[in-house]
Amino acid sequence: MKNKSARGSLYGLLVRNYLLFTLTLLVMAAVVFLLWNSWLNSLYQPANWNALLSDPALSDGDYESLRRYLGRAGNDYAIYDSDGTLIYASGSGFDSQCTPSELGLVPLWGGNEEISVYELTAWQGEEPRCLLVRRIFGLDGTPEQTETMVLDGNLQVVYGGFEDGRTGYTRREFLYLTDTRFSDAYLYRETFPDQSGQLMTVLLRNTYITDEIYYQHYNHSWRIWLLFIPLYLAGAGLFIWWMGRKIGRPLRRLNDAVVSQSEGRVVRVGDCGGPREIRLIGESFDRFSDRLAESEAERRRLDQGRQKLIADISHDLKTPITVIAGYIDAICDGKVPPEEVNRYLRAIQGKAEALTELVNAFHEYSKVEHPEFVLHKERTDLCEFLREYLAGKYDEIDLAGFSLEVSIPEHPVFCALDQLQFRRVLDNLLSNALRYNRLGTVLFFDISVEEGTAVLRVADNGAGIPPDRAKYIFEPFVVGSDARSGTGSGLGLSITKRIVEKHGGTVSLSPRPEPGRSTEFVLRLPLASE
C-alpha cells in the first residue's frame, strides 16, 4: 500500500514545513506591509470633486451618500442654501451661517484665478498694509489679467481694487477672499439647484498635507504592525496542528501498539502513515511482533515437547524397572521354583541391558541438544569414509541375514566431517534398518553430488514406515514399528538429525523412494572447500 501523502522522510517533512512556515510568515509580513502602505497612501488619496458635483444625489438632497468621493481624511463639503444657512456638513469647522457676499468671495471649483497676499513693510508710524494680487489665467495657463489692491489694517482699500468695486472687507470676507479660512485646506465653491429649483452653494474643502499631518499619520501607522502578532499566532498554531497530524498521530499509533504488546496482546501497526522513518519503525515493529509471536509459539511447542519427553522417558523407564522389581520380588519371596531362577535372572539381565541402552540414548540425546555441543570437523573424503565404515560392518550385516548394495563414485567427495559423530549417524540409520526389517532385506548406500552438495542415500526394501509416522519420524520417541513396546528408544533419528544439522546439512525421509526401495533417508552435506 502506498500513501502518497506520507512518502517523504522526516528530514524532508521538517524542511518543507519550515520553508512553508517561513513563506507564510513572509506573506503575512507582506500583507501587513501592504495594509501599512495603504494606510500611508490613504493620506494622499484625493477627493473626486467632479464626480461629487455631477452626482444626481447632490440635487436630490442625499448629501450623506456623497461621502464616498471625499478620499483622504480632512476632505469635506458643506451645503448652504440661498440665504447662506448651513444645511449639511460632512465634517466640522464650517461656519453655520455665511452671507451671500462671503460665499461669493470663495473661488469657483475649476476656476482660472489665483489671489496672492503679500505683507507690505510699514513705515514708522504707519499702519500695516497688505497687497493682494489677483491673476486670471488663460486656457494655456499664462496670466491674461492681473488686478491689485492694497488694504490697510482695517481691511479697507487704500489703493487699486478688484473688478467688483468693493472698498473694504470684513475679517471673514478677507479670510474667504484670500483662501485662509482653513489653515490646512483650499476652499472652493460651486452652485447647484435643488429639487425645488432653489440655488444652493456647496463649499469644497480640499485638505493639503502638511509636515505635521504627515508625521501624525505616520506615527499612528505602527499600530497596523500589531496585526502581525495574531496572524503569527494563527499561522504557528496551524503548523503545530499540521505537524501533530503528520508526526504525532503515527507516533501515538506506535505507542498504542507497544503498550498493547507489553500487555500481551499482539497488535500490528501496518502502514501507520507519517514520514518514512516513522513508517520504517512501524514496519520493524510488525516484524518484531511477528518474530515475538513465532518465538512464543516455538516456546509453547518446546514446552509441550518437553512435557511429552518427560512423559515418554517415564514410560520407557517404568516398564523395565517394573519387570526387574517384580522378578526380584518373586525370587526373594520364594515364589520362583529353583529350576526357574536362572531364567528369571537372565530376564532381569536383559531388562537391565535394555535400561542401560535407554539411559545411554538419553545421555547422547541430551548431549547433542545442549547449546554447547560442538563438532570437531576435518576435511574428509565421504566416499572413502563410507567404504571403510561398511567394510567394518559387513560381517554384522551378513550375519543378521541382510544383503548390501553400494554405489560409491570413484572420485573423492570431500566434506567437513566430525568422523566420530558422523559414524554415530550411520550407526543409528543402520541399526534401525537391521532392527525393524525382516531377514533378506537389501540395504542400499549411495553417494552422489547434486547442485554442489554431497548427497548420501541410506535405504532398504523392507517393511517401510507408516505414512502417519513419516512426518514425525525425527521427533523424540517416535519409532518405525507399530508397537510402542518394541525395542529401541526412539531417540536415534532425533540424534541423527541434530548431528547432520550441526554439519550444516539436512536429513529427510524421501516421500518417493527410488523404485525397489520402501524406506530412503536422504542426507545432504555441504562440500568442503580446498
Protein backbone atom coordinates (compact mmCIF):
# COMPACT_ATOMS: atom_id res chain seq x y z
CA MET A 1 0.00 0.00 0.00
CA LYS A 2 1.30 3.40 -0.91
CA ASN A 3 0.36 6.54 0.91
CA LYS A 4 1.17 9.48 -1.31
CA SER A 5 0.67 11.94 1.48
CA ALA A 6 3.41 10.33 3.51
CA ARG A 7 6.19 9.35 1.14
CA GLY A 8 8.84 11.80 2.34
CA SER A 9 11.39 11.46 5.09
CA LEU A 10 11.20 13.20 8.45
CA TYR A 11 14.04 15.48 7.39
CA GLY A 12 12.18 16.37 4.19
CA LEU A 13 8.96 16.97 6.13
CA LEU A 14 10.71 19.31 8.57
CA VAL A 15 12.48 21.18 5.76
CA ARG A 16 9.30 21.53 3.69
CA ASN A 17 7.24 22.70 6.64
CA TYR A 18 9.97 25.08 7.78
CA LEU A 19 10.17 26.61 4.32
CA LEU A 20 6.38 26.74 4.08
CA PHE A 21 6.14 28.36 7.51
CA THR A 22 8.82 30.87 6.54
CA LEU A 23 6.96 31.61 3.29
CA THR A 24 3.74 32.03 5.27
CA LEU A 25 5.46 34.50 7.60
CA LEU A 26 6.76 36.42 4.59
CA VAL A 27 3.26 36.50 3.10
CA MET A 28 1.86 37.71 6.42
CA ALA A 29 4.55 40.39 6.61
CA ALA A 30 3.79 41.38 3.01
CA VAL A 31 0.06 41.63 3.79
CA VAL A 32 0.72 43.77 6.86
CA PHE A 33 3.15 45.89 4.85
CA LEU A 34 0.54 46.40 2.14
CA LEU A 35 -2.00 47.43 4.78
CA TRP A 36 0.56 49.78 6.30
CA ASN A 37 1.43 51.21 2.91
CA SER A 38 -2.25 51.54 2.05
CA TRP A 39 -2.75 53.41 5.31
CA LEU A 40 0.03 55.84 4.41
CA ASN A 41 -1.23 56.21 0.85
CA SER A 42 -4.70 56.97 2.14
CA LEU A 43 -3.22 60.27 3.32
CA TYR A 44 -2.65 61.20 -0.31
CA GLN A 45 -5.94 59.91 -1.69
CA PRO A 46 -7.54 62.93 -3.44
CA ALA A 47 -11.20 63.76 -3.40
CA ASN A 48 -13.18 63.23 -6.60
CA TRP A 49 -14.95 66.59 -6.61
CA ASN A 50 -16.04 66.34 -10.23
CA ALA A 51 -17.85 63.06 -9.54
CA LEU A 52 -19.44 64.58 -6.44
CA LEU A 53 -20.69 67.63 -8.32
CA SER A 54 -22.11 65.53 -11.16
CA ASP A 55 -23.83 63.03 -8.89
CA PRO A 56 -27.68 63.41 -9.02
CA ALA A 57 -27.73 62.78 -5.27
CA LEU A 58 -26.47 66.36 -4.81
CA SER A 59 -29.62 67.86 -6.33
CA ASP A 60 -31.81 65.20 -4.72
CA GLY A 61 -30.64 66.17 -1.25
CA ASP A 62 -28.98 62.81 -0.49
CA TYR A 63 -25.88 64.55 0.83
CA GLU A 64 -24.71 61.69 3.06
CA SER A 65 -24.14 59.37 0.12
CA LEU A 66 -21.63 61.82 -1.35
CA ARG A 67 -19.06 60.98 1.32
CA ARG A 68 -17.65 58.23 -0.87
CA TYR A 69 -15.99 60.87 -3.04
CA LEU A 70 -14.02 62.52 -0.21
CA GLY A 71 -10.84 60.45 -0.39
CA ARG A 72 -8.38 61.14 2.44
CA ALA A 73 -9.35 62.36 5.87
CA GLY A 74 -9.84 66.14 6.12
CA ASN A 75 -11.55 66.50 2.77
CA ASP A 76 -15.10 67.70 3.45
CA TYR A 77 -18.01 69.51 1.88
CA ALA A 78 -20.78 71.77 3.20
CA ILE A 79 -24.16 72.69 1.70
CA TYR A 80 -25.61 76.21 2.10
CA ASP A 81 -28.97 77.48 0.96
CA SER A 82 -29.55 80.72 -0.88
CA ASP A 83 -29.60 82.63 2.40
CA GLY A 84 -26.19 81.27 3.45
CA THR A 85 -27.55 78.93 6.11
CA LEU A 86 -25.62 75.69 6.60
CA ILE A 87 -27.83 72.75 5.55
CA TYR A 88 -25.34 69.87 5.76
CA ALA A 89 -21.63 69.42 6.51
CA SER A 90 -19.64 66.22 6.16
CA GLY A 91 -17.13 67.46 8.71
CA SER A 92 -16.60 70.12 11.33
CA GLY A 93 -15.18 73.65 11.02
CA PHE A 94 -17.65 75.17 8.59
CA ASP A 95 -19.50 78.35 9.52
CA SER A 96 -23.13 77.74 10.36
CA GLN A 97 -24.15 81.00 8.65
CA CYS A 98 -22.46 82.78 5.78
CA THR A 99 -23.59 85.85 3.91
CA PRO A 100 -24.01 85.59 0.16
CA SER A 101 -21.19 88.11 -0.06
CA GLU A 102 -18.86 85.84 1.90
CA LEU A 103 -19.76 82.80 -0.18
CA GLY A 104 -19.26 84.81 -3.36
CA LEU A 105 -15.65 85.53 -2.42
CA VAL A 106 -14.75 81.81 -2.40
CA PRO A 107 -13.09 80.87 -5.71
CA LEU A 108 -15.07 78.64 -8.05
CA TRP A 109 -14.13 74.97 -8.44
CA GLY A 110 -12.26 74.66 -11.69
CA GLY A 111 -11.86 78.42 -11.93
CA ASN A 112 -8.91 80.16 -13.54
CA GLU A 113 -8.00 82.81 -10.98
CA GLU A 114 -5.47 82.99 -8.16
CA ILE A 115 -5.13 85.52 -5.34
CA SER A 116 -1.78 86.08 -3.65
CA VAL A 117 -1.32 88.07 -0.43
CA TYR A 118 1.85 89.97 0.42
CA GLU A 119 2.54 91.90 3.61
CA LEU A 120 3.94 95.37 2.97
CA THR A 121 6.62 96.87 5.15
CA ALA A 122 5.08 99.74 7.13
CA TRP A 123 6.97 102.98 7.65
CA GLN A 124 7.39 104.27 11.12
CA GLY A 125 4.04 105.47 12.41
CA GLU A 126 2.09 103.93 9.51
CA GLU A 127 -0.48 101.18 9.79
CA PRO A 128 0.47 97.75 8.42
CA ARG A 129 -0.78 97.12 4.93
CA CYS A 130 -1.11 94.11 2.63
CA LEU A 131 -1.01 93.74 -1.11
CA LEU A 132 -3.47 91.45 -2.89
CA VAL A 133 -2.75 90.36 -6.44
CA ARG A 134 -5.41 88.56 -8.50
CA ARG A 135 -4.23 86.74 -11.59
CA ILE A 136 -6.62 85.40 -14.18
CA PHE A 137 -5.14 82.65 -16.37
CA GLY A 138 -5.97 81.73 -19.90
CA LEU A 139 -6.53 78.26 -21.27
CA ASP A 140 -2.83 77.83 -21.91
CA GLY A 141 -2.02 78.59 -18.26
CA THR A 142 -0.48 82.02 -18.79
CA PRO A 143 -1.79 85.08 -16.91
CA GLU A 144 -4.14 87.11 -19.07
CA GLN A 145 -5.28 89.67 -16.49
CA THR A 146 -3.82 90.93 -13.24
CA GLU A 147 -5.56 93.05 -10.61
CA THR A 148 -4.00 94.55 -7.48
CA MET A 149 -5.18 96.33 -4.40
CA VAL A 150 -3.73 97.43 -1.10
CA LEU A 151 -5.62 97.03 2.15
CA ASP A 152 -4.88 98.82 5.37
CA GLY A 153 -5.02 97.37 8.84
CA ASN A 154 -8.82 97.69 8.88
CA LEU A 155 -9.08 95.81 5.57
CA GLN A 156 -10.13 98.95 3.73
CA VAL A 157 -8.95 99.54 0.15
CA VAL A 158 -6.35 102.30 0.06
CA TYR A 159 -5.06 101.63 -3.41
CA GLY A 160 -6.37 99.88 -6.52
CA GLY A 161 -9.14 97.38 -6.25
CA PHE A 162 -10.72 94.34 -7.89
CA GLU A 163 -13.34 94.50 -10.55
CA ASP A 164 -16.17 94.04 -8.02
CA GLY A 165 -15.50 97.64 -6.92
CA ARG A 166 -15.58 96.93 -3.20
CA THR A 167 -13.88 99.45 -0.90
CA GLY A 168 -13.47 97.27 2.15
CA TYR A 169 -13.89 93.77 3.63
CA THR A 170 -14.85 92.20 6.90
CA ARG A 171 -12.47 89.84 8.66
CA ARG A 172 -14.39 86.72 7.47
CA GLU A 173 -14.70 88.13 3.96
CA PHE A 174 -10.93 88.63 3.91
CA LEU A 175 -10.40 85.03 5.02
CA TYR A 176 -12.68 83.69 2.30
CA LEU A 177 -11.15 86.03 -0.28
CA THR A 178 -7.56 85.06 0.48
CA ASP A 179 -8.44 81.34 0.99
CA THR A 180 -7.11 81.39 4.54
CA ARG A 181 -10.37 80.35 6.21
CA PHE A 182 -8.76 76.93 6.88
CA SER A 183 -5.07 76.75 7.65
CA ASP A 184 -4.59 73.32 6.07
CA ALA A 185 -7.02 73.33 3.15
CA TYR A 186 -8.05 75.05 -0.03
CA LEU A 187 -11.67 76.13 -0.28
CA TYR A 188 -13.75 76.11 -3.46
CA ARG A 189 -17.39 76.65 -4.21
CA GLU A 190 -19.96 75.57 -6.71
CA THR A 191 -23.66 76.25 -7.08
CA PHE A 192 -26.43 73.84 -7.97
CA PRO A 193 -30.22 73.83 -7.97
CA ASP A 194 -32.10 71.62 -5.55
CA GLN A 195 -35.32 69.78 -6.36
CA SER A 196 -37.38 72.93 -5.80
CA GLY A 197 -35.17 74.97 -8.09
CA GLN A 198 -33.58 76.96 -5.25
CA LEU A 199 -29.95 77.79 -5.94
CA MET A 200 -27.70 76.10 -3.37
CA THR A 201 -23.99 76.52 -2.71
CA VAL A 202 -21.58 73.70 -1.91
CA LEU A 203 -18.21 74.52 -0.36
CA LEU A 204 -15.45 72.01 -1.09
CA ARG A 205 -12.66 71.80 1.48
CA ASN A 206 -9.62 70.19 -0.15
CA THR A 207 -7.03 69.46 2.54
CA TYR A 208 -3.37 69.59 1.69
CA ILE A 209 -0.72 67.62 3.53
CA THR A 210 1.45 69.46 5.98
CA ASP A 211 4.51 68.01 7.65
CA GLU A 212 2.66 67.93 10.94
CA ILE A 213 -0.24 65.97 9.46
CA TYR A 214 2.12 63.55 7.71
CA TYR A 215 4.13 62.79 10.85
CA GLN A 216 0.98 62.39 12.92
CA HIS A 217 -0.43 59.98 10.33
CA TYR A 218 2.88 58.10 10.13
CA ASN A 219 3.19 57.75 13.91
CA HIS A 220 -0.25 56.15 14.06
CA SER A 221 0.57 53.70 11.30
CA TRP A 222 2.76 51.46 13.52
CA ARG A 223 -0.39 50.07 15.09
CA ILE A 224 -1.07 48.21 11.87
CA TRP A 225 2.01 46.09 12.51
CA LEU A 226 0.31 44.78 15.66
CA LEU A 227 -1.84 42.73 13.29
CA PHE A 228 1.23 40.58 12.68
CA ILE A 229 1.01 39.14 16.23
CA PRO A 230 -2.40 37.40 15.86
CA LEU A 231 -1.51 36.41 12.30
CA TYR A 232 1.74 34.84 13.51
CA LEU A 233 -0.04 33.03 16.36
CA ALA A 234 -2.68 31.72 13.97
CA GLY A 235 -0.04 30.55 11.49
CA ALA A 236 2.08 28.93 14.21
CA GLY A 237 -0.99 27.20 15.64
CA LEU A 238 -1.94 25.90 12.21
CA PHE A 239 1.55 24.50 11.59
CA ILE A 240 1.72 22.95 15.07
CA TRP A 241 -1.60 21.24 14.41
CA TRP A 242 -0.41 20.08 10.99
CA MET A 243 2.87 18.69 12.37
CA GLY A 244 0.88 16.97 15.10
CA ARG A 245 -1.17 15.21 12.43
CA LYS A 246 1.87 14.23 10.38
CA ILE A 247 4.09 13.10 13.27
CA GLY A 248 2.06 12.92 16.48
CA ARG A 249 -0.71 10.66 15.18
CA PRO A 250 1.57 7.89 13.82
CA LEU A 251 3.71 8.10 16.97
CA ARG A 252 0.60 7.66 19.12
CA ARG A 253 -0.34 4.67 17.00
CA LEU A 254 3.10 3.17 17.55
CA ASN A 255 2.87 3.85 21.28
CA ASP A 256 -0.55 2.16 21.48
CA ALA A 257 0.91 -0.88 19.71
CA VAL A 258 3.87 -1.02 22.12
CA VAL A 259 1.55 -0.74 25.14
CA SER A 260 -0.70 -3.47 23.75
CA GLN A 261 2.34 -5.67 23.11
CA SER A 262 3.53 -5.16 26.69
CA GLU A 263 0.09 -6.25 27.90
CA GLY A 264 0.33 -9.48 25.96
CA ARG A 265 -1.93 -8.50 23.07
CA VAL A 266 -0.49 -8.93 19.59
CA VAL A 267 -1.17 -5.79 17.55
CA ARG A 268 0.07 -4.95 14.07
CA VAL A 269 0.81 -1.34 13.23
CA GLY A 270 0.57 -1.73 9.46
CA ASP A 271 1.03 1.47 7.46
CA CYS A 272 0.91 3.97 10.31
CA GLY A 273 1.48 6.90 7.95
CA GLY A 274 3.77 9.82 8.67
CA PRO A 275 7.36 10.32 7.48
CA ARG A 276 9.42 7.45 6.09
CA GLU A 277 11.43 6.96 9.30
CA ILE A 278 8.28 6.51 11.39
CA ARG A 279 6.80 4.12 8.83
CA LEU A 280 10.04 2.11 8.90
CA ILE A 281 9.77 1.92 12.69
CA GLY A 282 6.20 0.66 12.26
CA GLU A 283 7.31 -1.98 9.76
CA SER A 284 10.18 -3.03 12.06
CA PHE A 285 7.73 -3.24 14.96
CA ASP A 286 5.48 -5.52 12.90
CA ARG A 287 8.44 -7.75 12.06
CA PHE A 288 9.43 -7.76 15.73
CA SER A 289 5.85 -8.60 16.71
CA ASP A 290 5.78 -11.46 14.20
CA ARG A 291 9.11 -12.78 15.44
CA LEU A 292 7.89 -12.49 19.02
CA ALA A 293 4.72 -14.38 18.15
CA GLU A 294 6.78 -17.06 16.42
CA SER A 295 9.11 -17.26 19.42
CA GLU A 296 6.13 -17.58 21.74
CA ALA A 297 4.65 -20.32 19.57
CA GLU A 298 8.04 -22.05 19.49
CA ARG A 299 8.31 -21.75 23.28
CA ARG A 300 4.90 -23.34 23.70
CA ARG A 301 5.87 -26.08 21.27
CA LEU A 302 9.09 -26.72 23.19
CA ASP A 303 7.19 -26.76 26.47
CA GLN A 304 4.79 -29.30 25.05
CA GLY A 305 7.72 -31.29 23.65
CA ARG A 306 9.48 -31.15 27.00
CA GLN A 307 6.37 -32.40 28.77
CA LYS A 308 5.99 -35.16 26.18
CA LEU A 309 9.69 -36.02 26.54
CA ILE A 310 9.36 -36.35 30.31
CA ALA A 311 6.25 -38.50 29.90
CA ASP A 312 7.97 -40.74 27.32
CA ILE A 313 11.10 -41.07 29.46
CA SER A 314 8.95 -42.00 32.43
CA HIS A 315 7.10 -44.59 30.34
CA ASP A 316 10.26 -46.13 28.87
CA LEU A 317 11.97 -46.32 32.25
CA LYS A 318 8.92 -47.56 34.08
CA THR A 319 8.43 -50.77 32.04
CA PRO A 320 11.88 -52.41 32.53
CA ILE A 321 12.16 -51.19 36.11
CA THR A 322 8.73 -52.66 36.91
CA VAL A 323 9.70 -56.00 35.34
CA ILE A 324 13.04 -56.10 37.19
CA ALA A 325 11.39 -55.20 40.51
CA GLY A 326 8.67 -57.81 40.01
CA TYR A 327 11.11 -60.63 39.17
CA ILE A 328 13.37 -59.76 42.11
CA ASP A 329 10.41 -59.70 44.50
CA ALA A 330 9.26 -63.08 43.19
CA ILE A 331 12.74 -64.59 43.67
CA CYS A 332 13.15 -63.07 47.14
CA ASP A 333 9.69 -64.27 48.23
CA GLY A 334 10.47 -67.83 47.10
CA LYS A 335 7.71 -67.83 44.53
CA VAL A 336 10.08 -68.92 41.75
CA PRO A 337 10.99 -72.64 41.59
CA PRO A 338 14.76 -73.28 41.88
CA GLU A 339 14.94 -74.61 38.34
CA GLU A 340 13.39 -71.30 37.01
CA VAL A 341 15.67 -68.90 38.91
CA ASN A 342 18.32 -68.77 36.15
CA ARG A 343 15.66 -67.98 33.54
CA TYR A 344 14.35 -65.14 35.72
CA LEU A 345 17.87 -63.83 36.26
CA ARG A 346 18.54 -63.83 32.51
CA ALA A 347 15.30 -61.91 32.02
CA ILE A 348 16.39 -59.40 34.66
CA GLN A 349 19.78 -59.11 32.91
CA GLY A 350 18.07 -58.44 29.58
CA LYS A 351 15.86 -55.72 31.04
CA ALA A 352 18.89 -54.18 32.78
CA GLU A 353 20.79 -54.10 29.47
CA ALA A 354 17.77 -52.52 27.76
CA LEU A 355 17.58 -49.99 30.57
CA THR A 356 21.29 -49.24 30.19
CA GLU A 357 20.85 -48.77 26.43
CA LEU A 358 17.91 -46.43 27.07
CA VAL A 359 19.86 -44.35 29.59
CA ASN A 360 22.79 -44.13 27.15
CA ALA A 361 20.41 -42.95 24.45
CA PHE A 362 19.03 -40.29 26.79
CA HIS A 363 22.58 -39.20 27.54
CA GLU A 364 23.51 -38.95 23.85
CA TYR A 365 20.30 -37.07 23.07
CA SER A 366 20.89 -34.58 25.88
CA LYS A 367 24.47 -34.04 24.68
CA VAL A 368 23.56 -33.22 21.07
CA GLU A 369 20.68 -30.98 22.20
CA HIS A 370 22.90 -28.98 24.52
CA PRO A 371 23.72 -25.46 23.20
CA GLU A 372 27.43 -26.06 23.85
CA PHE A 373 27.55 -29.22 21.75
CA VAL A 374 30.45 -28.67 19.32
CA LEU A 375 31.73 -30.77 16.42
CA HIS A 376 35.40 -31.26 15.64
CA LYS A 377 35.26 -31.31 11.87
CA GLU A 378 38.04 -32.07 9.43
CA ARG A 379 38.19 -32.32 5.66
CA THR A 380 37.21 -35.92 4.86
CA ASP A 381 36.59 -37.91 1.69
CA LEU A 382 33.00 -39.06 2.22
CA CYS A 383 33.41 -41.89 -0.31
CA GLU A 384 36.44 -43.39 1.41
CA PHE A 385 34.87 -42.86 4.84
CA LEU A 386 31.74 -44.82 3.79
CA ARG A 387 33.81 -47.62 2.25
CA GLU A 388 35.76 -48.10 5.48
CA TYR A 389 32.59 -47.94 7.58
CA LEU A 390 30.71 -50.54 5.51
CA ALA A 391 33.78 -52.78 5.41
CA GLY A 392 33.82 -52.78 9.19
CA LYS A 393 30.05 -53.50 9.36
CA TYR A 394 29.88 -56.11 6.61
CA ASP A 395 30.06 -59.16 8.89
CA GLU A 396 27.36 -57.75 11.18
CA ILE A 397 25.08 -57.12 8.21
CA ASP A 398 25.73 -60.54 6.72
CA LEU A 399 25.20 -62.43 9.98
CA ALA A 400 21.90 -60.57 10.50
CA GLY A 401 20.66 -62.06 7.22
CA PHE A 402 20.76 -58.81 5.22
CA SER A 403 22.43 -58.07 1.89
CA LEU A 404 24.19 -54.89 0.82
CA GLU A 405 24.20 -52.84 -2.40
CA VAL A 406 26.61 -49.90 -2.58
CA SER A 407 27.01 -47.14 -5.22
CA ILE A 408 30.07 -45.01 -4.45
CA PRO A 409 31.83 -42.89 -7.12
CA GLU A 410 35.50 -43.45 -7.79
CA HIS A 411 36.39 -39.76 -7.43
CA PRO A 412 36.64 -38.26 -3.94
CA VAL A 413 33.81 -36.18 -2.46
CA PHE A 414 35.21 -34.02 0.33
CA CYS A 415 33.09 -32.79 3.23
CA ALA A 416 33.90 -31.26 6.61
CA LEU A 417 33.04 -34.12 9.00
CA ASP A 418 33.37 -34.93 12.66
CA GLN A 419 34.15 -38.58 11.95
CA LEU A 420 33.14 -39.80 15.41
CA GLN A 421 29.74 -38.10 15.34
CA PHE A 422 29.06 -38.92 11.70
CA ARG A 423 29.83 -42.57 12.43
CA ARG A 424 27.07 -42.36 15.06
CA VAL A 425 24.72 -41.08 12.33
CA LEU A 426 25.46 -44.12 10.17
CA ASP A 427 25.18 -46.43 13.21
CA ASN A 428 21.69 -45.11 14.00
CA LEU A 429 20.46 -45.49 10.42
CA LEU A 430 21.98 -48.97 10.06
CA SER A 431 20.71 -50.23 13.43
CA ASN A 432 17.17 -49.04 12.64
CA ALA A 433 17.27 -50.90 9.32
CA LEU A 434 18.51 -54.10 10.99
CA ARG A 435 16.11 -53.86 13.93
CA TYR A 436 12.81 -53.16 12.13
CA ASN A 437 13.15 -55.23 8.92
CA ARG A 438 12.80 -58.94 8.17
CA LEU A 439 15.61 -61.30 7.08
CA GLY A 440 16.65 -60.99 3.46
CA THR A 441 16.13 -57.23 3.30
CA VAL A 442 18.54 -55.40 0.97
CA LEU A 443 20.32 -52.31 2.31
CA PHE A 444 21.33 -49.53 -0.13
CA PHE A 445 24.10 -46.93 0.34
CA ASP A 446 24.55 -44.35 -2.48
CA ILE A 447 26.74 -41.24 -2.78
CA SER A 448 26.31 -38.53 -5.44
CA VAL A 449 26.95 -34.83 -5.95
CA GLU A 450 23.90 -32.71 -6.80
CA GLU A 451 23.97 -28.92 -7.27
CA GLY A 452 27.23 -28.53 -5.36
CA THR A 453 26.05 -30.68 -2.44
CA ALA A 454 27.11 -34.15 -1.36
CA VAL A 455 24.07 -36.48 -1.21
CA LEU A 456 24.14 -39.74 0.79
CA ARG A 457 21.15 -42.06 0.47
CA VAL A 458 20.60 -44.85 3.01
CA ALA A 459 17.67 -47.08 2.01
CA ASP A 460 16.16 -50.55 2.24
CA ASN A 461 13.38 -52.60 0.65
CA GLY A 462 11.94 -53.76 3.95
CA ALA A 463 8.66 -53.11 5.76
CA GLY A 464 8.76 -49.34 5.34
CA ILE A 465 7.47 -46.64 7.68
CA PRO A 466 3.71 -45.99 8.04
CA PRO A 467 2.70 -42.64 6.44
CA ASP A 468 1.11 -41.40 9.68
CA ARG A 469 4.52 -41.67 11.37
CA ALA A 470 6.68 -40.49 8.50
CA LYS A 471 6.19 -36.77 9.22
CA TYR A 472 7.10 -37.23 12.91
CA ILE A 473 9.89 -39.77 12.41
CA PHE A 474 12.66 -37.38 13.54
CA GLU A 475 10.90 -36.36 16.76
CA PRO A 476 11.98 -37.96 20.06
CA PHE A 477 10.44 -41.36 21.00
CA VAL A 478 8.91 -41.94 17.56
CA VAL A 479 9.78 -45.40 16.19
CA GLY A 480 9.03 -47.01 12.90
CA SER A 481 7.43 -50.15 14.39
CA ASP A 482 3.72 -50.49 15.03
CA ALA A 483 4.16 -51.46 18.67
CA ARG A 484 5.34 -48.79 21.09
CA SER A 485 6.73 -51.51 23.30
CA GLY A 486 9.13 -52.66 20.61
CA THR A 487 12.89 -52.47 21.00
CA GLY A 488 14.70 -49.15 20.65
CA SER A 489 14.44 -45.81 22.45
CA GLY A 490 13.03 -43.79 19.58
CA LEU A 491 15.84 -41.23 20.01
CA GLY A 492 18.24 -42.43 17.32
CA LEU A 493 16.77 -40.42 14.43
CA SER A 494 16.44 -37.30 16.61
CA ILE A 495 20.15 -37.59 17.43
CA THR A 496 20.92 -38.21 13.74
CA LYS A 497 19.01 -35.10 12.65
CA ARG A 498 20.77 -32.92 15.22
CA ILE A 499 24.26 -34.13 14.23
CA VAL A 500 23.60 -33.67 10.49
CA GLU A 501 22.27 -30.15 11.08
CA LYS A 502 25.39 -29.36 13.12
CA HIS A 503 27.36 -30.33 9.99
CA GLY A 504 25.40 -27.69 8.07
CA GLY A 505 23.35 -30.30 6.24
CA THR A 506 19.87 -31.78 6.23
CA VAL A 507 18.38 -35.23 6.62
CA SER A 508 14.92 -36.19 5.41
CA LEU A 509 12.76 -39.20 4.73
CA SER A 510 12.13 -39.33 1.00
CA PRO A 511 8.37 -39.30 0.27
CA ARG A 512 9.02 -41.07 -3.05
CA PRO A 513 11.86 -43.58 -2.73
CA GLU A 514 13.53 -44.89 -5.86
CA PRO A 515 11.95 -48.00 -7.43
CA GLY A 516 12.68 -51.17 -5.44
CA ARG A 517 13.06 -49.28 -2.18
CA SER A 518 10.50 -48.85 0.62
CA THR A 519 12.41 -46.56 3.01
CA GLU A 520 15.00 -44.00 1.92
CA PHE A 521 16.81 -41.45 4.09
CA VAL A 522 18.49 -38.60 2.17
CA LEU A 523 21.43 -36.77 3.78
CA ARG A 524 22.69 -33.56 2.13
CA LEU A 525 26.05 -32.16 3.23
CA PRO A 526 27.92 -29.07 2.03
CA LEU A 527 31.11 -29.78 0.11
CA ALA A 528 34.35 -28.79 1.81
CA SER A 529 36.46 -26.08 0.19
CA GLU A 530 40.04 -26.73 -0.83
